[in-house]
Amino acid sequence: MAFELPALPYATDALEPHIDKATMEIHHGKHHQAYVDNANKALAGTDGENLSVEDIIKNISKYPMPVRNNGGGHYNHSLYWAIMSPNGGGTPSGDLGKAINDAFGSFDDFKKKFAEAGVTRFGSGWAWLSVDNGGKLQ
């Protein structure tokens, strides 16, 4: 089963003013599509050719770097589109809100530290919260 670019769950202009329509069209229609196309090329003729992206990711260490990079890029972007929402955002509540407040003092402090982690990271600026590293931003 060849991977396909998933449709966005909202219009390309639905996230404005935070992410503009042109950026969404390029990022989804070109950038993510390139991951899909390159993952399909890298998997052609292999035992992974007929697997879902989730099955590839479960065993990613057995695949060569082009599958890891492009399959991972496809999976990450599919998740990226799904977790964003035109009606999303706001201060987390419940267990997540408590964990953020316990670790960072407040959600605003978390956002500041998260942004700092992103702009000081070499490369694309991705930052993440490492639970295994005592809740430190990386």
Protein backbone atom coordinates (compact mmCIF):
# COMPACT_ATOMS: atom_id res chain seq x y z
CA MET A 1 0.00 0.00 0.00
CA ALA A 2 1.58 3.21 -1.09
CA PHE A 3 1.39 6.09 1.34
CA GLU A 4 -0.90 8.95 0.40
CA LEU A 5 -0.97 12.53 1.53
CA PRO A 6 -3.81 12.80 4.05
CA ALA A 7 -6.36 15.53 3.48
CA LEU A 8 -6.24 18.38 5.95
CA PRO A 9 -9.04 18.19 8.52
CA TYR A 10 -9.74 21.92 7.95
CA ALA A 11 -9.40 24.49 5.16
CA THR A 12 -5.91 25.76 4.33
CA ASP A 13 -6.86 29.21 5.63
CA ALA A 14 -8.51 27.93 8.85
CA LEU A 15 -5.45 28.56 11.04
CA GLU A 16 -5.02 32.22 10.06
CA PRO A 17 -3.71 34.51 11.42
CA HIS A 18 -1.31 32.07 13.11
CA ILE A 19 -0.43 30.11 9.96
CA ASP A 20 -1.37 31.70 6.65
CA LYS A 21 -2.99 29.90 3.71
CA ALA A 22 0.10 30.03 1.47
CA THR A 23 2.29 28.49 4.18
CA MET A 24 -0.26 25.71 4.72
CA GLU A 25 -0.50 25.02 0.98
CA ILE A 26 3.28 24.79 0.65
CA HIS A 27 3.88 22.87 3.87
CA HIS A 28 1.08 20.37 3.30
CA GLY A 29 0.90 20.13 -0.48
CA LYS A 30 4.60 20.27 -1.29
CA HIS A 31 6.72 19.58 1.82
CA HIS A 32 4.59 16.77 3.28
CA GLN A 33 3.91 15.41 -0.21
CA ALA A 34 7.67 15.12 -0.73
CA TYR A 35 7.95 12.96 2.40
CA VAL A 36 5.14 10.73 1.10
CA ASP A 37 6.70 10.40 -2.36
CA ASN A 38 10.21 9.76 -1.04
CA ALA A 39 8.99 7.23 1.54
CA ASN A 40 7.16 5.35 -1.21
CA LYS A 41 10.30 5.34 -3.37
CA ALA A 42 12.47 4.17 -0.47
CA LEU A 43 10.06 1.34 0.37
CA ALA A 44 9.46 0.17 -3.21
CA GLY A 45 10.36 -3.50 -3.56
CA THR A 46 10.94 -4.06 0.18
CA ASP A 47 9.00 -6.00 2.80
CA GLY A 48 7.71 -2.66 4.09
CA GLU A 49 6.08 -1.70 0.81
CA ASN A 50 2.64 -2.92 1.90
CA LEU A 51 2.77 -1.83 5.54
CA SER A 52 1.02 1.12 7.13
CA VAL A 53 3.11 4.06 8.25
CA GLU A 54 2.33 3.06 11.86
CA ASP A 55 3.77 -0.41 11.26
CA ILE A 56 6.87 1.10 9.67
CA ILE A 57 7.35 3.44 12.65
CA LYS A 58 6.95 0.57 15.15
CA ASN A 59 10.03 -1.07 13.62
CA ILE A 60 11.80 1.99 12.25
CA SER A 61 15.25 0.88 13.39
CA LYS A 62 15.26 -1.98 10.87
CA TYR A 63 14.89 0.35 7.90
CA PRO A 64 17.56 2.36 6.06
CA MET A 65 17.88 6.10 6.62
CA PRO A 66 15.75 7.18 3.61
CA VAL A 67 12.80 5.21 5.04
CA ARG A 68 13.45 6.55 8.54
CA ASN A 69 13.69 10.16 7.41
CA ASN A 70 10.82 10.15 4.95
CA GLY A 71 8.53 7.66 6.69
CA GLY A 72 9.11 9.53 9.93
CA GLY A 73 8.52 12.86 8.22
CA HIS A 74 5.25 11.58 6.77
CA TYR A 75 4.10 10.23 10.13
CA ASN A 76 5.11 13.38 12.04
CA HIS A 77 3.37 15.68 9.57
CA SER A 78 0.22 13.56 9.60
CA LEU A 79 0.18 13.94 13.37
CA TYR A 80 0.98 17.66 13.08
CA TRP A 81 -2.09 18.36 10.91
CA ALA A 82 -4.34 16.28 13.16
CA ILE A 83 -3.39 17.95 16.44
CA MET A 84 -3.86 21.51 15.22
CA SER A 85 -7.30 23.04 15.16
CA PRO A 86 -8.88 26.35 14.25
CA ASN A 87 -10.63 26.17 17.63
CA GLY A 88 -7.66 24.86 19.62
CA GLY A 89 -5.28 26.47 22.00
CA GLY A 90 -5.64 27.88 25.44
CA THR A 91 -4.17 27.00 28.78
CA PRO A 92 -4.06 23.25 29.49
CA SER A 93 -6.09 22.03 32.42
CA GLY A 94 -6.35 18.80 34.40
CA ASP A 95 -3.33 16.54 34.80
CA LEU A 96 -1.44 18.19 31.94
CA GLY A 97 -1.98 21.68 33.32
CA LYS A 98 -0.84 20.56 36.77
CA ALA A 99 2.26 18.85 35.38
CA ILE A 100 3.21 21.98 33.41
CA ASN A 101 2.68 24.22 36.44
CA ASP A 102 4.67 21.85 38.67
CA ALA A 103 7.58 21.68 36.22
CA PHE A 104 7.67 25.27 34.94
CA GLY A 105 5.72 27.41 37.38
CA SER A 106 3.07 28.44 34.87
CA PHE A 107 1.94 27.84 31.31
CA ASP A 108 3.36 31.23 30.29
CA ASP A 109 6.77 30.24 31.71
CA PHE A 110 6.54 26.92 29.86
CA LYS A 111 5.83 28.73 26.56
CA LYS A 112 8.80 31.05 27.08
CA LYS A 113 11.15 28.16 27.87
CA PHE A 114 9.78 26.08 25.01
CA ALA A 115 10.27 28.93 22.53
CA GLU A 116 13.82 29.47 23.83
CA ALA A 117 14.58 25.76 23.40
CA GLY A 118 13.37 25.94 19.81
CA VAL A 119 15.31 29.03 18.75
CA THR A 120 18.54 27.85 20.36
CA ARG A 121 18.43 24.35 18.81
CA PHE A 122 20.56 23.86 15.73
CA GLY A 123 18.54 22.87 12.67
CA SER A 124 14.82 23.21 12.21
CA GLY A 125 14.09 24.54 15.69
CA TRP A 126 12.13 21.55 16.90
CA ALA A 127 11.96 21.31 20.67
CA TRP A 128 10.38 18.66 22.82
CA LEU A 129 9.69 17.89 26.42
CA SER A 130 11.64 14.87 27.58
CA VAL A 131 9.85 12.96 30.30
CA ASP A 132 12.84 10.63 30.55
CA ASN A 133 15.10 13.61 31.20
CA GLY A 134 13.27 14.90 34.25
CA GLY A 135 10.84 17.05 32.28
CA LYS A 136 13.56 19.18 30.71
CA LEU A 137 13.08 20.87 27.38
CA GLN A 138 15.40 19.72 24.65
